[in-house]
Amino acid sequence: MHRRNLAFFISLSILSFNAVAVDLEHSVSGDNEIENSLENTEIKGTSPYVDGIESGGSVETAKSTGVDYIFDHGVKEVTDKPTLKKKYEDFGYTAPGTFDKQENYIETDKKMLAKDFRKASAGSFNITFIKNDFDYQSTNDIINRTIGTGYRHIKGGALYFRNDDYIVKRDLINAYWSLGAGVGYNSGKGIFASDGTRSDATFNLWEVPVDLGVGMEVPLYSWFKIAGTGGASVLGLMQNRSDYQRGEDGKRKFQVSPGYFLNGQMKINLTGFNEDTANDLFTSSQITNLFLNLEARHQSYSNFQDEIKISGTSFGIGFTFEYL
């Protein structure tokens, strides 16, 4: 009985093993269809890396053609080319003197730098003293007799301040707007109009011109410039006399007249002869050129409240500071 049961159990085990072995030799139903489906499927949709661009699109498939692109095909990268002014606005020159036997390189480098920043000027500031050789016409010639030939007379001159802003810059010619003002002082003992005798009263005559004009200049190498400026002007006259008390009527008298001015300058570049001086001045103050000027001024004013006319030409000397 036990032997029969054991034989039955062994037979049953052998049949189960064969069934499993046969089952392992078969694939799951539909396997071939899944493989074919995977092989033939084309991936579509948007790229997970760049929003809004399909896989296989222009960015992923574009080959190098020598043109720069930013994400989207056909959009060229824009580069900002600095102007000479922008190049030197935050410039701090450090001579590469830590290298041995580089003296020639340093000198050449300074020359090239000076040549560049001399051309980068955006404007200039002028300070000029003009001697008073202008002609004064007045009733009984009283002004000339007081400040020109009178006792203890002073026909001093005027100090002018002017700023120029370039509007055109070329190798051969430059153009600029000009705005300036000045202050002049004259003095002398008064003259009695009736008999021409001298008064003990001192007359002070202050002059305040305000100029607005345009100008042109011609650079001559890096050492010289010739410049001319002209335009409209207004001259204010203030008369002050010593024989009246402060606040008394007639103590001060103000008059204003419109007119015009012309100014000519021969500019000698003090920094054009030495690169070391030019670089030192530029690195410390961003002054690109420093000029010594020989100047001439012509002016005319003839519409004061009194019968006064001031005109003529006079000469002076000054300085021009060009800056970035």
C-alpha atoms as a PDB file:
ATOM      1  CA  MET A   1       0.000   0.000   0.000  1.00  0.00           C
ATOM      2  CA  HIS A   2       2.780   2.360   0.904  1.00  0.00           C
ATOM      3  CA  ARG A   3       4.725   1.407  -2.153  1.00  0.00           C
ATOM      4  CA  ARG A   4       1.764   2.238  -4.423  1.00  0.00           C
ATOM      5  CA  ASN A   5       1.360   5.678  -2.860  1.00  0.00           C
ATOM      6  CA  LEU A   6       5.066   6.440  -3.251  1.00  0.00           C
ATOM      7  CA  ALA A   7       5.008   5.398  -6.895  1.00  0.00           C
ATOM      8  CA  PHE A   8       1.956   7.593  -7.528  1.00  0.00           C
ATOM      9  CA  PHE A   9       3.603  10.605  -5.909  1.00  0.00           C
ATOM     10  CA  ILE A  10       6.783  10.198  -7.983  1.00  0.00           C
ATOM     11  CA  SER A  11       4.754   9.885 -11.203  1.00  0.00           C
ATOM     12  CA  LEU A  12       2.776  13.017 -10.350  1.00  0.00           C
ATOM     13  CA  SER A  13       5.999  15.012  -9.682  1.00  0.00           C
ATOM     14  CA  ILE A  14       7.514  13.968 -13.014  1.00  0.00           C
ATOM     15  CA  LEU A  15       4.374  15.036 -14.902  1.00  0.00           C
ATOM     16  CA  SER A  16       4.374  18.484 -13.155  1.00  0.00           C
ATOM     17  CA  PHE A  17       8.032  19.093 -14.002  1.00  0.00           C
ATOM     18  CA  ASN A  18       7.434  18.270 -17.675  1.00  0.00           C
ATOM     19  CA  ALA A  19       4.488  20.658 -17.806  1.00  0.00           C
ATOM     20  CA  VAL A  20       6.576  23.526 -16.404  1.00  0.00           C
ATOM     21  CA  ALA A  21       9.394  22.789 -18.862  1.00  0.00           C
ATOM     22  CA  VAL A  22       6.996  22.826 -21.794  1.00  0.00           C
ATOM     23  CA  ASP A  23       5.484  26.122 -20.592  1.00  0.00           C
ATOM     24  CA  LEU A  24       8.928  27.789 -20.381  1.00  0.00           C
ATOM     25  CA  GLU A  25       9.534  27.051 -24.036  1.00  0.00           C
ATOM     26  CA  HIS A  26       6.532  29.216 -25.058  1.00  0.00           C
ATOM     27  CA  SER A  27       6.460  33.028 -25.174  1.00  0.00           C
ATOM     28  CA  VAL A  28       3.676  35.163 -23.783  1.00  0.00           C
ATOM     29  CA  SER A  29       0.917  35.757 -26.212  1.00  0.00           C
ATOM     30  CA  GLY A  30       1.331  39.090 -28.118  1.00  0.00           C
ATOM     31  CA  ASP A  31       5.096  39.449 -27.472  1.00  0.00           C
ATOM     32  CA  ASN A  32       5.935  39.872 -31.157  1.00  0.00           C
ATOM     33  CA  GLU A  33       3.309  42.572 -31.533  1.00  0.00           C
ATOM     34  CA  ILE A  34       4.769  44.588 -28.610  1.00  0.00           C
ATOM     35  CA  GLU A  35       8.319  44.376 -30.021  1.00  0.00           C
ATOM     36  CA  ASN A  36       7.184  45.488 -33.491  1.00  0.00           C
ATOM     37  CA  SER A  37       5.191  48.339 -31.984  1.00  0.00           C
ATOM     38  CA  LEU A  38       8.214  49.601 -30.016  1.00  0.00           C
ATOM     39  CA  GLU A  39      10.488  49.435 -33.024  1.00  0.00           C
ATOM     40  CA  ASN A  40       8.135  51.396 -35.270  1.00  0.00           C
ATOM     41  CA  THR A  41       7.103  54.088 -32.772  1.00  0.00           C
ATOM     42  CA  GLU A  42       8.413  57.650 -33.520  1.00  0.00           C
ATOM     43  CA  ILE A  43       8.785  59.836 -30.461  1.00  0.00           C
ATOM     44  CA  LYS A  44       6.828  63.014 -30.867  1.00  0.00           C
ATOM     45  CA  GLY A  45       6.035  65.926 -28.620  1.00  0.00           C
ATOM     46  CA  THR A  46       7.926  68.819 -27.086  1.00  0.00           C
ATOM     47  CA  SER A  47      11.468  68.707 -25.805  1.00  0.00           C
ATOM     48  CA  PRO A  48      11.731  68.446 -22.015  1.00  0.00           C
ATOM     49  CA  TYR A  49      14.677  70.826 -22.064  1.00  0.00           C
ATOM     50  CA  VAL A  50      13.549  73.843 -24.104  1.00  0.00           C
ATOM     51  CA  ASP A  51       9.968  74.900 -23.688  1.00  0.00           C
ATOM     52  CA  GLY A  52       7.986  75.178 -26.866  1.00  0.00           C
ATOM     53  CA  ILE A  53      10.490  73.433 -29.199  1.00  0.00           C
ATOM     54  CA  GLU A  54       9.680  70.027 -30.671  1.00  0.00           C
ATOM     55  CA  SER A  55      12.104  67.142 -30.500  1.00  0.00           C
ATOM     56  CA  GLY A  56      14.155  66.958 -33.634  1.00  0.00           C
ATOM     57  CA  GLY A  57      13.455  70.670 -34.286  1.00  0.00           C
ATOM     58  CA  SER A  58      15.693  73.377 -35.669  1.00  0.00           C
ATOM     59  CA  VAL A  59      17.829  73.822 -32.555  1.00  0.00           C
ATOM     60  CA  GLU A  60      18.571  70.120 -31.998  1.00  0.00           C
ATOM     61  CA  THR A  61      19.277  69.359 -35.636  1.00  0.00           C
ATOM     62  CA  ALA A  62      21.026  72.594 -36.647  1.00  0.00           C
ATOM     63  CA  LYS A  63      24.612  72.159 -37.765  1.00  0.00           C
ATOM     64  CA  SER A  64      27.325  74.777 -37.325  1.00  0.00           C
ATOM     65  CA  THR A  65      27.254  77.226 -40.212  1.00  0.00           C
ATOM     66  CA  GLY A  66      29.388  79.999 -38.744  1.00  0.00           C
ATOM     67  CA  VAL A  67      26.371  81.940 -37.408  1.00  0.00           C
ATOM     68  CA  ASP A  68      25.593  82.270 -33.690  1.00  0.00           C
ATOM     69  CA  TYR A  69      22.106  81.370 -32.510  1.00  0.00           C
ATOM     70  CA  ILE A  70      20.263  81.908 -29.266  1.00  0.00           C
ATOM     71  CA  PHE A  71      17.674  79.098 -28.789  1.00  0.00           C
ATOM     72  CA  ASP A  72      15.608  79.987 -31.843  1.00  0.00           C
ATOM     73  CA  HIS A  73      16.966  79.291 -35.324  1.00  0.00           C
ATOM     74  CA  GLY A  74      17.785  82.441 -37.250  1.00  0.00           C
ATOM     75  CA  VAL A  75      18.197  84.797 -34.277  1.00  0.00           C
ATOM     76  CA  LYS A  76      21.716  86.216 -34.419  1.00  0.00           C
ATOM     77  CA  GLU A  77      23.641  87.027 -31.288  1.00  0.00           C
ATOM     78  CA  VAL A  78      24.085  90.780 -30.901  1.00  0.00           C
ATOM     79  CA  THR A  79      27.399  92.153 -29.686  1.00  0.00           C
ATOM     80  CA  ASP A  80      27.942  95.676 -28.368  1.00  0.00           C
ATOM     81  CA  LYS A  81      30.915  97.402 -29.976  1.00  0.00           C
ATOM     82  CA  PRO A  82      32.181 100.019 -27.526  1.00  0.00           C
ATOM     83  CA  THR A  83      32.959 103.555 -28.664  1.00  0.00           C
ATOM     84  CA  LEU A  84      36.271 105.198 -27.806  1.00  0.00           C
ATOM     85  CA  LYS A  85      34.546 107.256 -25.105  1.00  0.00           C
ATOM     86  CA  LYS A  86      32.915 104.186 -23.532  1.00  0.00           C
ATOM     87  CA  LYS A  87      36.173 102.269 -23.775  1.00  0.00           C
ATOM     88  CA  TYR A  88      38.020 104.804 -21.624  1.00  0.00           C
ATOM     89  CA  GLU A  89      35.258 105.964 -19.247  1.00  0.00           C
ATOM     90  CA  ASP A  90      36.291 103.566 -16.464  1.00  0.00           C
ATOM     91  CA  PHE A  91      39.862 103.303 -17.614  1.00  0.00           C
ATOM     92  CA  GLY A  92      42.695 103.028 -15.110  1.00  0.00           C
ATOM     93  CA  TYR A  93      46.041 102.643 -16.746  1.00  0.00           C
ATOM     94  CA  THR A  94      48.577 100.348 -15.058  1.00  0.00           C
ATOM     95  CA  ALA A  95      51.902 100.182 -16.811  1.00  0.00           C
ATOM     96  CA  PRO A  96      53.051  96.562 -17.288  1.00  0.00           C
ATOM     97  CA  GLY A  97      56.424  97.358 -15.750  1.00  0.00           C
ATOM     98  CA  THR A  98      56.719  94.102 -13.844  1.00  0.00           C
ATOM     99  CA  PHE A  99      58.181  92.443 -16.918  1.00  0.00           C
ATOM    100  CA  ASP A 100      61.919  92.531 -17.417  1.00  0.00           C
ATOM    101  CA  LYS A 101      63.386  94.332 -20.410  1.00  0.00           C
ATOM    102  CA  GLN A 102      60.027  95.734 -21.465  1.00  0.00           C
ATOM    103  CA  GLU A 103      60.854  99.455 -21.540  1.00  0.00           C
ATOM    104  CA  ASN A 104      60.262  99.704 -25.292  1.00  0.00           C
ATOM    105  CA  TYR A 105      56.927  97.928 -24.948  1.00  0.00           C
ATOM    106  CA  ILE A 106      55.801 100.309 -22.202  1.00  0.00           C
ATOM    107  CA  GLU A 107      56.700 103.398 -24.239  1.00  0.00           C
ATOM    108  CA  THR A 108      54.948 102.037 -27.313  1.00  0.00           C
ATOM    109  CA  ASP A 109      51.889 101.153 -25.225  1.00  0.00           C
ATOM    110  CA  LYS A 110      51.693 104.674 -23.782  1.00  0.00           C
ATOM    111  CA  LYS A 111      51.884 106.197 -27.246  1.00  0.00           C
ATOM    112  CA  MET A 112      49.036 104.013 -28.489  1.00  0.00           C
ATOM    113  CA  LEU A 113      46.896 104.783 -25.427  1.00  0.00           C
ATOM    114  CA  ALA A 114      47.488 108.519 -25.717  1.00  0.00           C
ATOM    115  CA  LYS A 115      46.649 108.429 -29.414  1.00  0.00           C
ATOM    116  CA  ASP A 116      43.336 106.731 -28.615  1.00  0.00           C
ATOM    117  CA  PHE A 117      42.075 108.747 -25.660  1.00  0.00           C
ATOM    118  CA  ARG A 118      43.040 112.053 -27.278  1.00  0.00           C
ATOM    119  CA  LYS A 119      40.360 111.294 -29.877  1.00  0.00           C
ATOM    120  CA  ALA A 120      37.781 110.219 -27.276  1.00  0.00           C
ATOM    121  CA  SER A 121      36.980 113.727 -25.965  1.00  0.00           C
ATOM    122  CA  ALA A 122      33.240 114.390 -25.553  1.00  0.00           C
ATOM    123  CA  GLY A 123      33.602 118.048 -24.643  1.00  0.00           C
ATOM    124  CA  SER A 124      35.857 120.738 -23.245  1.00  0.00           C
ATOM    125  CA  PHE A 125      35.958 123.462 -20.605  1.00  0.00           C
ATOM    126  CA  ASN A 126      37.642 126.797 -21.369  1.00  0.00           C
ATOM    127  CA  ILE A 127      39.000 129.431 -18.994  1.00  0.00           C
ATOM    128  CA  THR A 128      40.129 132.646 -20.712  1.00  0.00           C
ATOM    129  CA  PHE A 129      41.231 136.122 -19.713  1.00  0.00           C
ATOM    130  CA  ILE A 130      40.493 138.795 -22.348  1.00  0.00           C
ATOM    131  CA  LYS A 131      42.097 142.194 -21.907  1.00  0.00           C
ATOM    132  CA  ASN A 132      39.650 145.079 -22.186  1.00  0.00           C
ATOM    133  CA  ASP A 133      40.577 146.908 -25.361  1.00  0.00           C
ATOM    134  CA  PHE A 134      36.962 147.275 -26.471  1.00  0.00           C
ATOM    135  CA  ASP A 135      35.560 150.603 -27.582  1.00  0.00           C
ATOM    136  CA  TYR A 136      32.958 152.394 -25.434  1.00  0.00           C
ATOM    137  CA  GLN A 137      30.679 155.029 -26.937  1.00  0.00           C
ATOM    138  CA  SER A 138      28.494 157.063 -24.557  1.00  0.00           C
ATOM    139  CA  THR A 139      27.072 160.546 -24.069  1.00  0.00           C
ATOM    140  CA  ASN A 140      29.953 163.043 -23.664  1.00  0.00           C
ATOM    141  CA  ASP A 141      32.276 160.022 -23.911  1.00  0.00           C
ATOM    142  CA  ILE A 142      31.842 159.748 -20.157  1.00  0.00           C
ATOM    143  CA  ILE A 143      32.695 156.019 -19.916  1.00  0.00           C
ATOM    144  CA  ASN A 144      36.026 156.280 -21.741  1.00  0.00           C
ATOM    145  CA  ARG A 145      36.942 159.407 -19.770  1.00  0.00           C
ATOM    146  CA  THR A 146      36.206 157.571 -16.518  1.00  0.00           C
ATOM    147  CA  ILE A 147      37.564 154.035 -16.971  1.00  0.00           C
ATOM    148  CA  GLY A 148      39.906 154.691 -19.896  1.00  0.00           C
ATOM    149  CA  THR A 149      41.767 157.908 -19.152  1.00  0.00           C
ATOM    150  CA  GLY A 150      40.373 159.047 -15.808  1.00  0.00           C
ATOM    151  CA  TYR A 151      42.216 159.405 -12.539  1.00  0.00           C
ATOM    152  CA  ARG A 152      43.182 156.031 -11.032  1.00  0.00           C
ATOM    153  CA  HIS A 153      41.302 154.296 -13.803  1.00  0.00           C
ATOM    154  CA  ILE A 154      41.203 150.530 -14.201  1.00  0.00           C
ATOM    155  CA  LYS A 155      40.186 149.075 -17.536  1.00  0.00           C
ATOM    156  CA  GLY A 156      41.029 145.580 -16.480  1.00  0.00           C
ATOM    157  CA  GLY A 157      39.432 142.921 -18.612  1.00  0.00           C
ATOM    158  CA  ALA A 158      37.146 139.959 -18.200  1.00  0.00           C
ATOM    159  CA  LEU A 159      37.457 136.323 -17.178  1.00  0.00           C
ATOM    160  CA  TYR A 160      35.400 133.978 -19.370  1.00  0.00           C
ATOM    161  CA  PHE A 161      34.216 130.428 -18.673  1.00  0.00           C
ATOM    162  CA  ARG A 162      32.892 128.329 -21.535  1.00  0.00           C
ATOM    163  CA  ASN A 163      31.794 124.736 -22.020  1.00  0.00           C
ATOM    164  CA  ASP A 164      31.762 123.068 -25.449  1.00  0.00           C
ATOM    165  CA  ASP A 165      29.935 119.807 -26.269  1.00  0.00           C
ATOM    166  CA  TYR A 166      30.930 118.034 -29.464  1.00  0.00           C
ATOM    167  CA  ILE A 167      28.146 117.225 -31.909  1.00  0.00           C
ATOM    168  CA  VAL A 168      30.366 116.105 -34.802  1.00  0.00           C
ATOM    169  CA  LYS A 169      33.871 114.635 -34.573  1.00  0.00           C
ATOM    170  CA  ARG A 170      35.962 113.778 -37.616  1.00  0.00           C
ATOM    171  CA  ASP A 171      39.647 113.458 -38.343  1.00  0.00           C
ATOM    172  CA  LEU A 172      39.777 116.791 -40.161  1.00  0.00           C
ATOM    173  CA  ILE A 173      37.032 118.863 -38.511  1.00  0.00           C
ATOM    174  CA  ASN A 174      34.926 118.952 -35.331  1.00  0.00           C
ATOM    175  CA  ALA A 175      31.745 120.854 -34.474  1.00  0.00           C
ATOM    176  CA  TYR A 176      30.296 121.717 -31.073  1.00  0.00           C
ATOM    177  CA  TRP A 177      27.675 123.624 -29.118  1.00  0.00           C
ATOM    178  CA  SER A 178      29.005 126.370 -26.860  1.00  0.00           C
ATOM    179  CA  LEU A 179      27.671 127.989 -23.691  1.00  0.00           C
ATOM    180  CA  GLY A 180      29.671 130.482 -21.689  1.00  0.00           C
ATOM    181  CA  ALA A 181      29.666 133.450 -19.372  1.00  0.00           C
ATOM    182  CA  GLY A 182      32.146 135.941 -18.014  1.00  0.00           C
ATOM    183  CA  VAL A 183      32.715 138.732 -15.541  1.00  0.00           C
ATOM    184  CA  GLY A 184      34.688 141.932 -16.068  1.00  0.00           C
ATOM    185  CA  TYR A 185      35.625 144.867 -13.852  1.00  0.00           C
ATOM    186  CA  ASN A 186      36.453 148.502 -14.644  1.00  0.00           C
ATOM    187  CA  SER A 187      36.846 151.524 -12.396  1.00  0.00           C
ATOM    188  CA  GLY A 188      37.779 155.217 -12.321  1.00  0.00           C
ATOM    189  CA  LYS A 189      37.073 158.613 -10.768  1.00  0.00           C
ATOM    190  CA  GLY A 190      33.985 160.395 -12.021  1.00  0.00           C
ATOM    191  CA  ILE A 191      34.064 163.390 -14.380  1.00  0.00           C
ATOM    192  CA  PHE A 192      31.681 166.331 -14.242  1.00  0.00           C
ATOM    193  CA  ALA A 193      30.066 166.565 -17.665  1.00  0.00           C
ATOM    194  CA  SER A 194      29.644 170.344 -17.480  1.00  0.00           C
ATOM    195  CA  ASP A 195      33.292 171.353 -17.242  1.00  0.00           C
ATOM    196  CA  GLY A 196      35.231 168.090 -17.301  1.00  0.00           C
ATOM    197  CA  THR A 197      36.633 168.453 -13.801  1.00  0.00           C
ATOM    198  CA  ARG A 198      37.330 165.367 -11.744  1.00  0.00           C
ATOM    199  CA  SER A 199      34.925 164.185  -9.085  1.00  0.00           C
ATOM    200  CA  ASP A 200      35.894 162.520  -5.848  1.00  0.00           C
ATOM    201  CA  ALA A 201      33.340 159.795  -6.499  1.00  0.00           C
ATOM    202  CA  THR A 202      34.619 156.405  -7.700  1.00  0.00           C
ATOM    203  CA  PHE A 203      32.628 154.684 -10.420  1.00  0.00           C
ATOM    204  CA  ASN A 204      32.817 150.904 -10.701  1.00  0.00           C
ATOM    205  CA  LEU A 205      31.527 149.243 -13.860  1.00  0.00           C
ATOM    206  CA  TRP A 206      30.868 145.479 -13.795  1.00  0.00           C
ATOM    207  CA  GLU A 207      30.219 143.568 -17.036  1.00  0.00           C
ATOM    208  CA  VAL A 208      28.595 140.135 -17.248  1.00  0.00           C
ATOM    209  CA  PRO A 209      28.378 138.631 -20.775  1.00  0.00           C
ATOM    210  CA  VAL A 210      26.467 135.399 -21.459  1.00  0.00           C
ATOM    211  CA  ASP A 211      27.194 133.622 -24.776  1.00  0.00           C
ATOM    212  CA  LEU A 212      25.396 130.873 -26.680  1.00  0.00           C
ATOM    213  CA  GLY A 213      26.807 129.702 -29.994  1.00  0.00           C
ATOM    214  CA  VAL A 214      28.246 127.006 -32.219  1.00  0.00           C
ATOM    215  CA  GLY A 215      31.836 126.382 -33.163  1.00  0.00           C
ATOM    216  CA  MET A 216      34.150 124.446 -35.411  1.00  0.00           C
ATOM    217  CA  GLU A 217      37.744 123.360 -34.939  1.00  0.00           C
ATOM    218  CA  VAL A 218      40.428 121.870 -37.153  1.00  0.00           C
ATOM    219  CA  PRO A 219      42.929 119.482 -35.493  1.00  0.00           C
ATOM    220  CA  LEU A 220      46.501 119.845 -36.747  1.00  0.00           C
ATOM    221  CA  TYR A 221      48.243 116.599 -35.817  1.00  0.00           C
ATOM    222  CA  SER A 222      48.158 116.032 -32.049  1.00  0.00           C
ATOM    223  CA  TRP A 223      49.835 119.315 -31.128  1.00  0.00           C
ATOM    224  CA  PHE A 224      47.633 122.127 -32.427  1.00  0.00           C
ATOM    225  CA  LYS A 225      44.018 123.048 -33.085  1.00  0.00           C
ATOM    226  CA  ILE A 226      42.437 126.100 -34.693  1.00  0.00           C
ATOM    227  CA  ALA A 227      38.912 126.861 -33.420  1.00  0.00           C
ATOM    228  CA  GLY A 228      36.254 129.457 -34.112  1.00  0.00           C
ATOM    229  CA  THR A 229      33.035 130.082 -32.164  1.00  0.00           C
ATOM    230  CA  GLY A 230      30.213 132.550 -32.692  1.00  0.00           C
ATOM    231  CA  GLY A 231      26.631 133.243 -31.749  1.00  0.00           C
ATOM    232  CA  ALA A 232      24.210 135.328 -29.728  1.00  0.00           C
ATOM    233  CA  SER A 233      25.178 137.107 -26.550  1.00  0.00           C
ATOM    234  CA  VAL A 234      23.693 139.279 -23.802  1.00  0.00           C
ATOM    235  CA  LEU A 235      25.719 141.806 -21.807  1.00  0.00           C
ATOM    236  CA  GLY A 236      24.673 143.069 -18.401  1.00  0.00           C
ATOM    237  CA  LEU A 237      26.182 146.291 -17.046  1.00  0.00           C
ATOM    238  CA  MET A 238      26.114 147.219 -13.374  1.00  0.00           C
ATOM    239  CA  GLN A 239      27.260 150.714 -12.370  1.00  0.00           C
ATOM    240  CA  ASN A 240      28.143 151.410  -8.750  1.00  0.00           C
ATOM    241  CA  ARG A 241      29.166 154.844  -7.424  1.00  0.00           C
ATOM    242  CA  SER A 242      30.796 155.649  -4.091  1.00  0.00           C
ATOM    243  CA  ASP A 243      29.197 159.052  -3.413  1.00  0.00           C
ATOM    244  CA  TYR A 244      25.777 157.535  -2.686  1.00  0.00           C
ATOM    245  CA  GLN A 245      24.831 155.700   0.470  1.00  0.00           C
ATOM    246  CA  ARG A 246      23.868 152.042   0.397  1.00  0.00           C
ATOM    247  CA  GLY A 247      20.227 151.671  -0.563  1.00  0.00           C
ATOM    248  CA  GLU A 248      20.035 155.248  -1.867  1.00  0.00           C
ATOM    249  CA  ASP A 249      18.472 155.874  -5.247  1.00  0.00           C
ATOM    250  CA  GLY A 250      21.165 155.949  -7.965  1.00  0.00           C
ATOM    251  CA  LYS A 251      23.691 153.956  -5.950  1.00  0.00           C
ATOM    252  CA  ARG A 252      23.445 151.093  -8.449  1.00  0.00           C
ATOM    253  CA  LYS A 253      22.200 150.997 -11.997  1.00  0.00           C
ATOM    254  CA  PHE A 254      21.585 147.901 -14.123  1.00  0.00           C
ATOM    255  CA  GLN A 255      21.362 147.794 -17.922  1.00  0.00           C
ATOM    256  CA  VAL A 256      21.145 144.914 -20.379  1.00  0.00           C
ATOM    257  CA  SER A 257      21.727 144.707 -24.117  1.00  0.00           C
ATOM    258  CA  PRO A 258      21.543 141.841 -26.619  1.00  0.00           C
ATOM    259  CA  GLY A 259      24.375 141.437 -29.100  1.00  0.00           C
ATOM    260  CA  TYR A 260      26.701 138.919 -30.679  1.00  0.00           C
ATOM    261  CA  PHE A 261      30.217 137.554 -30.216  1.00  0.00           C
ATOM    262  CA  LEU A 262      32.946 135.865 -32.247  1.00  0.00           C
ATOM    263  CA  ASN A 263      35.863 134.006 -30.716  1.00  0.00           C
ATOM    264  CA  GLY A 264      38.997 132.607 -32.357  1.00  0.00           C
ATOM    265  CA  GLN A 265      41.493 130.277 -30.693  1.00  0.00           C
ATOM    266  CA  MET A 266      44.917 128.934 -31.551  1.00  0.00           C
ATOM    267  CA  LYS A 267      45.297 125.912 -29.270  1.00  0.00           C
ATOM    268  CA  ILE A 268      48.675 124.425 -28.354  1.00  0.00           C
ATOM    269  CA  ASN A 269      48.393 120.936 -26.854  1.00  0.00           C
ATOM    270  CA  LEU A 270      50.567 120.836 -23.732  1.00  0.00           C
ATOM    271  CA  THR A 271      49.993 117.074 -23.377  1.00  0.00           C
ATOM    272  CA  GLY A 272      50.671 116.368 -27.045  1.00  0.00           C
ATOM    273  CA  PHE A 273      54.432 116.570 -26.696  1.00  0.00           C
ATOM    274  CA  ASN A 274      54.874 114.034 -23.896  1.00  0.00           C
ATOM    275  CA  GLU A 275      53.057 110.699 -23.526  1.00  0.00           C
ATOM    276  CA  ASP A 276      54.017 110.323 -19.850  1.00  0.00           C
ATOM    277  CA  THR A 277      52.396 113.657 -18.963  1.00  0.00           C
ATOM    278  CA  ALA A 278      49.333 112.825 -21.075  1.00  0.00           C
ATOM    279  CA  ASN A 279      48.854 109.436 -19.385  1.00  0.00           C
ATOM    280  CA  ASP A 280      49.425 110.789 -15.865  1.00  0.00           C
ATOM    281  CA  LEU A 281      46.875 113.558 -16.377  1.00  0.00           C
ATOM    282  CA  PHE A 282      44.328 111.203 -17.921  1.00  0.00           C
ATOM    283  CA  THR A 283      44.577 108.483 -15.263  1.00  0.00           C
ATOM    284  CA  SER A 284      44.249 111.017 -12.439  1.00  0.00           C
ATOM    285  CA  SER A 285      41.431 113.174 -13.836  1.00  0.00           C
ATOM    286  CA  GLN A 286      40.205 111.734 -17.186  1.00  0.00           C
ATOM    287  CA  ILE A 287      41.364 114.902 -18.945  1.00  0.00           C
ATOM    288  CA  THR A 288      42.184 113.799 -22.478  1.00  0.00           C
ATOM    289  CA  ASN A 289      43.928 116.988 -23.663  1.00  0.00           C
ATOM    290  CA  LEU A 290      45.205 120.192 -22.069  1.00  0.00           C
ATOM    291  CA  PHE A 291      45.664 123.201 -24.367  1.00  0.00           C
ATOM    292  CA  LEU A 292      47.200 126.633 -23.961  1.00  0.00           C
ATOM    293  CA  ASN A 293      45.126 129.085 -26.040  1.00  0.00           C
ATOM    294  CA  LEU A 294      45.935 132.329 -27.770  1.00  0.00           C
ATOM    295  CA  GLU A 295      42.542 133.973 -28.262  1.00  0.00           C
ATOM    296  CA  ALA A 296      40.774 136.885 -29.902  1.00  0.00           C
ATOM    297  CA  ARG A 297      37.231 138.039 -29.089  1.00  0.00           C
ATOM    298  CA  HIS A 298      35.022 140.347 -31.115  1.00  0.00           C
ATOM    299  CA  GLN A 299      31.734 141.573 -29.641  1.00  0.00           C
ATOM    300  CA  SER A 300      29.029 144.166 -30.200  1.00  0.00           C
ATOM    301  CA  TYR A 301      26.259 145.469 -27.881  1.00  0.00           C
ATOM    302  CA  SER A 302      24.277 148.600 -28.701  1.00  0.00           C
ATOM    303  CA  ASN A 303      20.802 148.380 -27.169  1.00  0.00           C
ATOM    304  CA  PHE A 304      21.225 149.526 -23.571  1.00  0.00           C
ATOM    305  CA  GLN A 305      18.744 151.780 -21.784  1.00  0.00           C
ATOM    306  CA  ASP A 306      21.297 154.618 -21.945  1.00  0.00           C
ATOM    307  CA  GLU A 307      23.055 155.695 -25.120  1.00  0.00           C
ATOM    308  CA  ILE A 308      25.930 153.231 -24.778  1.00  0.00           C
ATOM    309  CA  LYS A 309      27.606 151.075 -27.376  1.00  0.00           C
ATOM    310  CA  ILE A 310      30.350 148.542 -26.609  1.00  0.00           C
ATOM    311  CA  SER A 311      32.115 146.882 -29.527  1.00  0.00           C
ATOM    312  CA  GLY A 312      35.498 145.945 -30.970  1.00  0.00           C
ATOM    313  CA  THR A 313      38.109 143.222 -30.794  1.00  0.00           C
ATOM    314  CA  SER A 314      40.421 142.306 -27.972  1.00  0.00           C
ATOM    315  CA  PHE A 315      42.983 139.583 -27.255  1.00  0.00           C
ATOM    316  CA  GLY A 316      43.766 137.239 -24.401  1.00  0.00           C
ATOM    317  CA  ILE A 317      45.131 133.921 -23.212  1.00  0.00           C
ATOM    318  CA  GLY A 318      43.502 130.847 -21.718  1.00  0.00           C
ATOM    319  CA  PHE A 319      43.358 127.108 -21.205  1.00  0.00           C
ATOM    320  CA  THR A 320      41.148 124.355 -22.607  1.00  0.00           C
ATOM    321  CA  PHE A 321      40.561 121.089 -20.720  1.00  0.00           C
ATOM    322  CA  GLU A 322      39.121 118.341 -22.903  1.00  0.00           C
ATOM    323  CA  TYR A 323      37.390 115.505 -21.075  1.00  0.00           C
ATOM    324  CA  LEU A 324      35.543 112.227 -21.703  1.00  0.00           C
END
